[in-house]
Amino acid sequence: MKDAVGAVQSLLVLGGTSEIGLATARTLVKGRTRRVVLAARDPARAEPAAQELRALGAEVDVVAFEARDFGSHTAFVEAVFDGRDDIDCALVAFGVLGDQERLASDGEAAAEAVATNYVGAVSVCIPLAERMKRQGHGTIVVLSSVAGERARKSNFVYGSSKAGIDAFAQGLGDSLAGSGVGVMVVRPGFVKTKMTEGRDPVPFTTTPDVVAAEIVKGLARGAHTVWVPPVLRLVMSVLRHVPRPVFRRLPL
């Protein structure tokens, strides 16, 4: 349960090797968070990060999680919560960017990317919300993207998957009003990570540490939506209303 000043005491990171997820965990542990569960497809890859968090003073467990094994998600959530104190915050940080050129021409590859980014997140968020309702509190943080605000020709498969999970998370949050459980949607722009390595930076490029700082600030104020950097809220508001013939000609 959150402490007397409302700080997150316990954190579940779904995507335990995600650079944004780990940056968020480090930032929270440097504050008042004392227990972290890193859930990763390959737990061994998450162990170095777990050791780092332990050195910062946190109790850390590393568990196996497969985003596309939808049938395992309810049991996974129950197992993570059982035998532990309440989990205050679950950060849904897994996802794939993919090669847009391949995704635009390979239906199976596109479906796999969407299954991870959208279906996998939906599949695990439902039992997370149900379990948090039973404990009477909690926050689910969903990493979306500004790419979901308006699908662009350069990454429309990825963008559509983020548009889907963004809409789902907003609706889930509305459905949980009054339950003690909240949902916070995070919409970063281009983030310099291993996933985006080799791609040219764009205006308002940011870093995992900056995203993490905004997530922590959003949790502190009970936000339902966080833009990183904040100026992207205005930028995307303008882009949403650009006429399609003009939008198609933009180098986006």
C-alpha atoms as a PDB file:
ATOM      1  CA  MET A   1       0.000   0.000   0.000  1.00  0.00           C
ATOM      2  CA  LYS A   2       1.171   3.567  -0.627  1.00  0.00           C
ATOM      3  CA  ASP A   3       2.806   5.135   2.389  1.00  0.00           C
ATOM      4  CA  ALA A   4       1.537   7.984   4.529  1.00  0.00           C
ATOM      5  CA  VAL A   5       2.569  10.611   1.978  1.00  0.00           C
ATOM      6  CA  GLY A   6       1.051   8.731  -0.960  1.00  0.00           C
ATOM      7  CA  ALA A   7       4.294   7.388  -2.436  1.00  0.00           C
ATOM      8  CA  VAL A   8       4.455   4.094  -4.308  1.00  0.00           C
ATOM      9  CA  GLN A   9       5.860   1.367  -2.041  1.00  0.00           C
ATOM     10  CA  SER A  10       5.712  -1.563  -4.470  1.00  0.00           C
ATOM     11  CA  LEU A  11       6.076  -1.756  -8.244  1.00  0.00           C
ATOM     12  CA  LEU A  12       5.477  -4.430 -10.886  1.00  0.00           C
ATOM     13  CA  VAL A  13       7.263  -3.823 -14.202  1.00  0.00           C
ATOM     14  CA  LEU A  14       5.819  -5.817 -17.087  1.00  0.00           C
ATOM     15  CA  GLY A  15       8.666  -5.689 -19.557  1.00  0.00           C
ATOM     16  CA  GLY A  16      11.433  -6.159 -17.028  1.00  0.00           C
ATOM     17  CA  THR A  17      14.188  -5.332 -19.515  1.00  0.00           C
ATOM     18  CA  SER A  18      12.468  -2.218 -20.912  1.00  0.00           C
ATOM     19  CA  GLU A  19      14.752   0.791 -20.660  1.00  0.00           C
ATOM     20  CA  ILE A  20      11.845   3.069 -19.769  1.00  0.00           C
ATOM     21  CA  GLY A  21      10.514   0.542 -17.277  1.00  0.00           C
ATOM     22  CA  LEU A  22      13.880   0.157 -15.577  1.00  0.00           C
ATOM     23  CA  ALA A  23      14.523   3.909 -15.534  1.00  0.00           C
ATOM     24  CA  THR A  24      11.149   4.329 -13.819  1.00  0.00           C
ATOM     25  CA  ALA A  25      11.992   1.620 -11.289  1.00  0.00           C
ATOM     26  CA  ARG A  26      15.337   3.264 -10.491  1.00  0.00           C
ATOM     27  CA  THR A  27      13.721   6.667 -10.060  1.00  0.00           C
ATOM     28  CA  LEU A  28      11.032   5.281  -7.743  1.00  0.00           C
ATOM     29  CA  VAL A  29      13.513   3.243  -5.700  1.00  0.00           C
ATOM     30  CA  LYS A  30      15.676   6.344  -5.212  1.00  0.00           C
ATOM     31  CA  GLY A  31      12.542   7.791  -3.653  1.00  0.00           C
ATOM     32  CA  ARG A  32      10.363   5.670  -1.388  1.00  0.00           C
ATOM     33  CA  THR A  33       9.654   2.466  -3.352  1.00  0.00           C
ATOM     34  CA  ARG A  34      11.034  -0.553  -1.533  1.00  0.00           C
ATOM     35  CA  ARG A  35       9.765  -3.602  -3.442  1.00  0.00           C
ATOM     36  CA  VAL A  36       9.995  -4.272  -7.189  1.00  0.00           C
ATOM     37  CA  VAL A  37       8.925  -7.211  -9.327  1.00  0.00           C
ATOM     38  CA  LEU A  38      10.563  -7.360 -12.760  1.00  0.00           C
ATOM     39  CA  ALA A  39       8.564  -9.525 -15.174  1.00  0.00           C
ATOM     40  CA  ALA A  40      10.458 -10.461 -18.310  1.00  0.00           C
ATOM     41  CA  ARG A  41      10.339 -12.984 -21.134  1.00  0.00           C
ATOM     42  CA  ASP A  42      13.919 -13.949 -20.253  1.00  0.00           C
ATOM     43  CA  PRO A  43      14.386 -13.458 -16.496  1.00  0.00           C
ATOM     44  CA  ALA A  44      18.162 -13.910 -16.801  1.00  0.00           C
ATOM     45  CA  ARG A  45      18.384 -10.743 -18.917  1.00  0.00           C
ATOM     46  CA  ALA A  46      16.626  -8.779 -16.169  1.00  0.00           C
ATOM     47  CA  GLU A  47      18.914  -9.994 -13.379  1.00  0.00           C
ATOM     48  CA  PRO A  48      21.635  -7.303 -13.830  1.00  0.00           C
ATOM     49  CA  ALA A  49      18.969  -4.605 -13.469  1.00  0.00           C
ATOM     50  CA  ALA A  50      17.591  -6.422 -10.432  1.00  0.00           C
ATOM     51  CA  GLN A  51      21.030  -6.363  -8.849  1.00  0.00           C
ATOM     52  CA  GLU A  52      21.307  -2.633  -9.494  1.00  0.00           C
ATOM     53  CA  LEU A  53      17.940  -2.013  -7.831  1.00  0.00           C
ATOM     54  CA  ARG A  54      18.927  -4.180  -4.879  1.00  0.00           C
ATOM     55  CA  ALA A  55      22.075  -2.080  -4.483  1.00  0.00           C
ATOM     56  CA  LEU A  56      19.812   0.960  -4.256  1.00  0.00           C
ATOM     57  CA  GLY A  57      17.970  -0.646  -1.331  1.00  0.00           C
ATOM     58  CA  ALA A  58      15.006  -2.397  -2.930  1.00  0.00           C
ATOM     59  CA  GLU A  59      13.762  -5.935  -2.453  1.00  0.00           C
ATOM     60  CA  VAL A  60      13.547  -7.290  -6.017  1.00  0.00           C
ATOM     61  CA  ASP A  61      11.992 -10.413  -7.516  1.00  0.00           C
ATOM     62  CA  VAL A  62      12.471 -11.450 -11.137  1.00  0.00           C
ATOM     63  CA  VAL A  63       9.712 -13.554 -12.705  1.00  0.00           C
ATOM     64  CA  ALA A  64       8.930 -14.951 -16.145  1.00  0.00           C
ATOM     65  CA  PHE A  65       6.267 -13.267 -18.274  1.00  0.00           C
ATOM     66  CA  GLU A  66       5.326 -13.806 -21.920  1.00  0.00           C
ATOM     67  CA  ALA A  67       3.194 -11.032 -23.435  1.00  0.00           C
ATOM     68  CA  ARG A  68       1.675 -13.249 -26.143  1.00  0.00           C
ATOM     69  CA  ASP A  69       0.846 -16.187 -23.863  1.00  0.00           C
ATOM     70  CA  PHE A  70      -2.588 -14.732 -23.245  1.00  0.00           C
ATOM     71  CA  GLY A  71      -3.934 -17.803 -21.473  1.00  0.00           C
ATOM     72  CA  SER A  72      -1.311 -17.501 -18.745  1.00  0.00           C
ATOM     73  CA  HIS A  73      -1.963 -13.901 -17.773  1.00  0.00           C
ATOM     74  CA  THR A  74      -4.665 -14.322 -15.140  1.00  0.00           C
ATOM     75  CA  ALA A  75      -2.668 -16.987 -13.316  1.00  0.00           C
ATOM     76  CA  PHE A  76       0.451 -14.862 -13.662  1.00  0.00           C
ATOM     77  CA  VAL A  77      -1.217 -11.873 -11.998  1.00  0.00           C
ATOM     78  CA  GLU A  78      -2.590 -14.002  -9.176  1.00  0.00           C
ATOM     79  CA  ALA A  79       0.822 -15.567  -8.575  1.00  0.00           C
ATOM     80  CA  VAL A  80       2.583 -12.188  -8.492  1.00  0.00           C
ATOM     81  CA  PHE A  81       0.115 -10.745  -5.991  1.00  0.00           C
ATOM     82  CA  ASP A  82      -0.282 -13.856  -3.808  1.00  0.00           C
ATOM     83  CA  GLY A  83       2.178 -14.164  -0.954  1.00  0.00           C
ATOM     84  CA  ARG A  84       3.206 -10.520  -1.234  1.00  0.00           C
ATOM     85  CA  ASP A  85       1.909  -7.294   0.223  1.00  0.00           C
ATOM     86  CA  ASP A  86      -0.238  -5.150  -2.034  1.00  0.00           C
ATOM     87  CA  ILE A  87       1.249  -3.953  -5.304  1.00  0.00           C
ATOM     88  CA  ASP A  88       0.702  -0.221  -5.620  1.00  0.00           C
ATOM     89  CA  CYS A  89       1.687   0.269  -9.250  1.00  0.00           C
ATOM     90  CA  ALA A  90       1.926  -1.940 -12.344  1.00  0.00           C
ATOM     91  CA  LEU A  91       3.844  -0.492 -15.268  1.00  0.00           C
ATOM     92  CA  VAL A  92       2.959  -2.037 -18.639  1.00  0.00           C
ATOM     93  CA  ALA A  93       6.203  -1.328 -20.472  1.00  0.00           C
ATOM     94  CA  PHE A  94       6.622  -4.160 -22.958  1.00  0.00           C
ATOM     95  CA  GLY A  95       6.278  -3.654 -26.696  1.00  0.00           C
ATOM     96  CA  VAL A  96       7.956  -3.958 -30.075  1.00  0.00           C
ATOM     97  CA  LEU A  97       8.627  -1.313 -32.708  1.00  0.00           C
ATOM     98  CA  GLY A  98       9.386  -3.650 -35.591  1.00  0.00           C
ATOM     99  CA  ASP A  99      10.687  -2.959 -39.067  1.00  0.00           C
ATOM    100  CA  GLN A 100       7.968  -0.858 -40.727  1.00  0.00           C
ATOM    101  CA  GLU A 101       9.037  -1.893 -44.232  1.00  0.00           C
ATOM    102  CA  ARG A 102       8.557  -5.530 -43.317  1.00  0.00           C
ATOM    103  CA  LEU A 103       5.401  -4.932 -41.269  1.00  0.00           C
ATOM    104  CA  ALA A 104       3.794  -3.058 -44.186  1.00  0.00           C
ATOM    105  CA  SER A 105       4.202  -6.059 -46.488  1.00  0.00           C
ATOM    106  CA  ASP A 106       4.108  -9.094 -44.162  1.00  0.00           C
ATOM    107  CA  GLY A 107       0.713  -9.644 -42.589  1.00  0.00           C
ATOM    108  CA  GLU A 108       1.918 -12.306 -40.178  1.00  0.00           C
ATOM    109  CA  ALA A 109       4.719 -10.080 -38.863  1.00  0.00           C
ATOM    110  CA  ALA A 110       2.294  -7.175 -38.505  1.00  0.00           C
ATOM    111  CA  ALA A 111      -0.167  -9.352 -36.589  1.00  0.00           C
ATOM    112  CA  GLU A 112       2.591 -10.507 -34.229  1.00  0.00           C
ATOM    113  CA  ALA A 113       3.579  -6.919 -33.463  1.00  0.00           C
ATOM    114  CA  VAL A 114      -0.025  -5.911 -32.829  1.00  0.00           C
ATOM    115  CA  ALA A 115      -0.544  -9.015 -30.696  1.00  0.00           C
ATOM    116  CA  THR A 116       2.324  -7.964 -28.441  1.00  0.00           C
ATOM    117  CA  ASN A 117       1.628  -4.248 -28.227  1.00  0.00           C
ATOM    118  CA  TYR A 118      -2.157  -4.320 -28.061  1.00  0.00           C
ATOM    119  CA  VAL A 119      -3.615  -7.765 -27.383  1.00  0.00           C
ATOM    120  CA  GLY A 120      -0.934  -8.702 -24.858  1.00  0.00           C
ATOM    121  CA  ALA A 121      -1.415  -5.477 -22.944  1.00  0.00           C
ATOM    122  CA  VAL A 122      -5.211  -5.841 -22.940  1.00  0.00           C
ATOM    123  CA  SER A 123      -4.913  -9.455 -21.834  1.00  0.00           C
ATOM    124  CA  VAL A 124      -2.826  -8.638 -18.762  1.00  0.00           C
ATOM    125  CA  CYS A 125      -4.469  -5.320 -17.852  1.00  0.00           C
ATOM    126  CA  ILE A 126      -7.872  -6.912 -17.281  1.00  0.00           C
ATOM    127  CA  PRO A 127      -6.697  -9.295 -14.518  1.00  0.00           C
ATOM    128  CA  LEU A 128      -4.464  -6.556 -13.105  1.00  0.00           C
ATOM    129  CA  ALA A 129      -7.468  -4.265 -12.764  1.00  0.00           C
ATOM    130  CA  GLU A 130      -9.569  -7.009 -11.216  1.00  0.00           C
ATOM    131  CA  ARG A 131      -6.913  -7.889  -8.657  1.00  0.00           C
ATOM    132  CA  MET A 132      -6.298  -4.251  -7.778  1.00  0.00           C
ATOM    133  CA  LYS A 133     -10.046  -3.756  -7.301  1.00  0.00           C
ATOM    134  CA  ARG A 134      -9.985  -6.608  -4.801  1.00  0.00           C
ATOM    135  CA  GLN A 135      -7.152  -4.987  -2.846  1.00  0.00           C
ATOM    136  CA  GLY A 136      -8.966  -1.645  -3.045  1.00  0.00           C
ATOM    137  CA  HIS A 137      -6.237   0.489  -4.590  1.00  0.00           C
ATOM    138  CA  GLY A 138      -3.518   0.630  -7.225  1.00  0.00           C
ATOM    139  CA  THR A 139      -2.422   2.330 -10.426  1.00  0.00           C
ATOM    140  CA  ILE A 140      -1.846   0.752 -13.820  1.00  0.00           C
ATOM    141  CA  VAL A 141       0.586   2.782 -15.930  1.00  0.00           C
ATOM    142  CA  VAL A 142       0.368   2.027 -19.657  1.00  0.00           C
ATOM    143  CA  LEU A 143       3.148   3.108 -22.008  1.00  0.00           C
ATOM    144  CA  SER A 144       1.425   4.392 -25.129  1.00  0.00           C
ATOM    145  CA  SER A 145       3.042   6.708 -27.694  1.00  0.00           C
ATOM    146  CA  VAL A 146       2.347   9.880 -29.622  1.00  0.00           C
ATOM    147  CA  ALA A 147       2.494   7.527 -32.636  1.00  0.00           C
ATOM    148  CA  GLY A 148      -0.997   6.422 -31.627  1.00  0.00           C
ATOM    149  CA  GLU A 149      -2.447   9.927 -31.845  1.00  0.00           C
ATOM    150  CA  ARG A 150      -2.587   9.821 -35.639  1.00  0.00           C
ATOM    151  CA  ALA A 151      -1.235   6.933 -37.694  1.00  0.00           C
ATOM    152  CA  ARG A 152       1.629   8.033 -39.930  1.00  0.00           C
ATOM    153  CA  LYS A 153       2.768   6.299 -43.105  1.00  0.00           C
ATOM    154  CA  SER A 154       6.247   5.770 -41.651  1.00  0.00           C
ATOM    155  CA  ASN A 155       5.039   3.542 -38.789  1.00  0.00           C
ATOM    156  CA  PHE A 156       1.309   2.924 -39.194  1.00  0.00           C
ATOM    157  CA  VAL A 157       1.378  -0.658 -37.874  1.00  0.00           C
ATOM    158  CA  TYR A 158       3.123   0.348 -34.655  1.00  0.00           C
ATOM    159  CA  GLY A 159       1.026   3.504 -34.442  1.00  0.00           C
ATOM    160  CA  SER A 160      -2.228   1.595 -34.822  1.00  0.00           C
ATOM    161  CA  SER A 161      -1.253  -0.811 -32.038  1.00  0.00           C
ATOM    162  CA  LYS A 162      -0.513   2.128 -29.745  1.00  0.00           C
ATOM    163  CA  ALA A 163      -3.762   3.835 -30.728  1.00  0.00           C
ATOM    164  CA  GLY A 164      -5.571   0.675 -29.711  1.00  0.00           C
ATOM    165  CA  ILE A 165      -3.948   0.282 -26.315  1.00  0.00           C
ATOM    166  CA  ASP A 166      -4.270   4.010 -25.637  1.00  0.00           C
ATOM    167  CA  ALA A 167      -8.031   3.909 -26.246  1.00  0.00           C
ATOM    168  CA  PHE A 168      -8.368   0.721 -24.206  1.00  0.00           C
ATOM    169  CA  ALA A 169      -6.441   2.172 -21.271  1.00  0.00           C
ATOM    170  CA  GLN A 170      -8.516   5.364 -21.263  1.00  0.00           C
ATOM    171  CA  GLY A 171     -11.724   3.345 -21.250  1.00  0.00           C
ATOM    172  CA  LEU A 172     -10.413   1.010 -18.560  1.00  0.00           C
ATOM    173  CA  GLY A 173      -9.542   4.005 -16.409  1.00  0.00           C
ATOM    174  CA  ASP A 174     -13.024   5.455 -16.822  1.00  0.00           C
ATOM    175  CA  SER A 175     -14.594   2.106 -15.923  1.00  0.00           C
ATOM    176  CA  LEU A 176     -12.556   1.969 -12.702  1.00  0.00           C
ATOM    177  CA  ALA A 177     -13.620   5.406 -11.429  1.00  0.00           C
ATOM    178  CA  GLY A 178     -14.613   5.152  -7.785  1.00  0.00           C
ATOM    179  CA  SER A 179     -12.966   1.764  -7.257  1.00  0.00           C
ATOM    180  CA  GLY A 180      -9.718   3.080  -5.803  1.00  0.00           C
ATOM    181  CA  VAL A 181      -7.835   1.886  -8.898  1.00  0.00           C
ATOM    182  CA  GLY A 182      -6.549   4.289 -11.536  1.00  0.00           C
ATOM    183  CA  VAL A 183      -4.989   4.092 -14.985  1.00  0.00           C
ATOM    184  CA  MET A 184      -2.337   6.506 -16.244  1.00  0.00           C
ATOM    185  CA  VAL A 185      -1.568   6.642 -19.964  1.00  0.00           C
ATOM    186  CA  VAL A 186       1.943   7.802 -20.897  1.00  0.00           C
ATOM    187  CA  ARG A 187       2.509   9.215 -24.397  1.00  0.00           C
ATOM    188  CA  PRO A 188       6.206   9.712 -25.101  1.00  0.00           C
ATOM    189  CA  GLY A 189       7.573  10.972 -28.369  1.00  0.00           C
ATOM    190  CA  PHE A 190      10.761   9.556 -29.875  1.00  0.00           C
ATOM    191  CA  VAL A 191      12.821   8.012 -27.060  1.00  0.00           C
ATOM    192  CA  LYS A 192      16.502   7.190 -27.477  1.00  0.00           C
ATOM    193  CA  THR A 193      16.660   3.471 -26.591  1.00  0.00           C
ATOM    194  CA  LYS A 194      18.088   0.280 -28.038  1.00  0.00           C
ATOM    195  CA  MET A 195      14.735  -0.185 -29.793  1.00  0.00           C
ATOM    196  CA  THR A 196      15.181   3.074 -31.733  1.00  0.00           C
ATOM    197  CA  GLU A 197      18.926   2.701 -32.259  1.00  0.00           C
ATOM    198  CA  GLY A 198      19.971   3.568 -35.822  1.00  0.00           C
ATOM    199  CA  ARG A 199      16.953   5.802 -36.402  1.00  0.00           C
ATOM    200  CA  ASP A 200      17.428   9.526 -36.897  1.00  0.00           C
ATOM    201  CA  PRO A 201      16.330  11.629 -33.906  1.00  0.00           C
ATOM    202  CA  VAL A 202      13.369  13.928 -34.449  1.00  0.00           C
ATOM    203  CA  PRO A 203      12.283  17.169 -32.766  1.00  0.00           C
ATOM    204  CA  PHE A 204      11.487  16.720 -29.071  1.00  0.00           C
ATOM    205  CA  THR A 205      13.526  13.499 -28.837  1.00  0.00           C
ATOM    206  CA  THR A 206      13.779  12.394 -25.215  1.00  0.00           C
ATOM    207  CA  THR A 207      15.426   9.747 -23.029  1.00  0.00           C
ATOM    208  CA  PRO A 208      14.210   6.942 -20.733  1.00  0.00           C
ATOM    209  CA  ASP A 209      15.256   8.941 -17.657  1.00  0.00           C
ATOM    210  CA  VAL A 210      13.176  11.932 -18.741  1.00  0.00           C
ATOM    211  CA  VAL A 211      10.162   9.683 -19.385  1.00  0.00           C
ATOM    212  CA  ALA A 212      10.670   8.068 -15.981  1.00  0.00           C
ATOM    213  CA  ALA A 213      10.756  11.456 -14.253  1.00  0.00           C
ATOM    214  CA  GLU A 214       7.473  12.458 -15.896  1.00  0.00           C
ATOM    215  CA  ILE A 215       5.881   9.137 -14.922  1.00  0.00           C
ATOM    216  CA  VAL A 216       6.870   9.653 -11.302  1.00  0.00           C
ATOM    217  CA  LYS A 217       5.510  13.204 -11.338  1.00  0.00           C
ATOM    218  CA  GLY A 218       2.291  11.949 -12.928  1.00  0.00           C
ATOM    219  CA  LEU A 219       1.863   9.309 -10.224  1.00  0.00           C
ATOM    220  CA  ALA A 220       2.386  11.925  -7.521  1.00  0.00           C
ATOM    221  CA  ARG A 221      -0.373  14.159  -8.861  1.00  0.00           C
ATOM    222  CA  GLY A 222      -2.772  11.357  -9.835  1.00  0.00           C
ATOM    223  CA  ALA A 223      -2.658  12.198 -13.541  1.00  0.00           C
ATOM    224  CA  HIS A 224      -4.616  10.175 -16.094  1.00  0.00           C
ATOM    225  CA  THR A 225      -2.471  11.240 -19.078  1.00  0.00           C
ATOM    226  CA  VAL A 226       1.221  12.167 -19.296  1.00  0.00           C
ATOM    227  CA  TRP A 227       2.909  13.593 -22.405  1.00  0.00           C
ATOM    228  CA  VAL A 228       6.702  13.420 -22.705  1.00  0.00           C
ATOM    229  CA  PRO A 229       7.864  16.056 -23.316  1.00  0.00           C
ATOM    230  CA  PRO A 230       4.706  17.996 -22.340  1.00  0.00           C
ATOM    231  CA  VAL A 231       4.884  20.226 -25.456  1.00  0.00           C
ATOM    232  CA  LEU A 232       3.846  17.220 -27.561  1.00  0.00           C
ATOM    233  CA  ARG A 233       0.310  17.624 -26.292  1.00  0.00           C
ATOM    234  CA  LEU A 234       0.060  20.859 -28.280  1.00  0.00           C
ATOM    235  CA  VAL A 235       2.007  19.509 -31.267  1.00  0.00           C
ATOM    236  CA  MET A 236      -0.229  16.455 -31.625  1.00  0.00           C
ATOM    237  CA  SER A 237      -3.357  18.545 -31.140  1.00  0.00           C
ATOM    238  CA  VAL A 238      -2.334  20.488 -34.244  1.00  0.00           C
ATOM    239  CA  LEU A 239      -1.352  17.384 -36.259  1.00  0.00           C
ATOM    240  CA  ARG A 240      -4.660  15.680 -35.521  1.00  0.00           C
ATOM    241  CA  HIS A 241      -6.447  18.457 -37.401  1.00  0.00           C
ATOM    242  CA  VAL A 242      -4.189  18.743 -40.436  1.00  0.00           C
ATOM    243  CA  PRO A 243      -6.260  17.876 -43.558  1.00  0.00           C
ATOM    244  CA  ARG A 244      -5.407  14.423 -44.870  1.00  0.00           C
ATOM    245  CA  PRO A 245      -4.152  15.553 -48.302  1.00  0.00           C
ATOM    246  CA  VAL A 246      -1.683  17.830 -46.520  1.00  0.00           C
ATOM    247  CA  PHE A 247      -0.844  15.247 -43.850  1.00  0.00           C
ATOM    248  CA  ARG A 248       0.073  12.682 -46.511  1.00  0.00           C
ATOM    249  CA  ARG A 249       2.716  15.008 -47.904  1.00  0.00           C
ATOM    250  CA  LEU A 250       4.386  15.670 -44.551  1.00  0.00           C
ATOM    251  CA  PRO A 251       7.720  13.885 -43.978  1.00  0.00           C
ATOM    252  CA  LEU A 252       6.371  11.916 -41.022  1.00  0.00           C
END
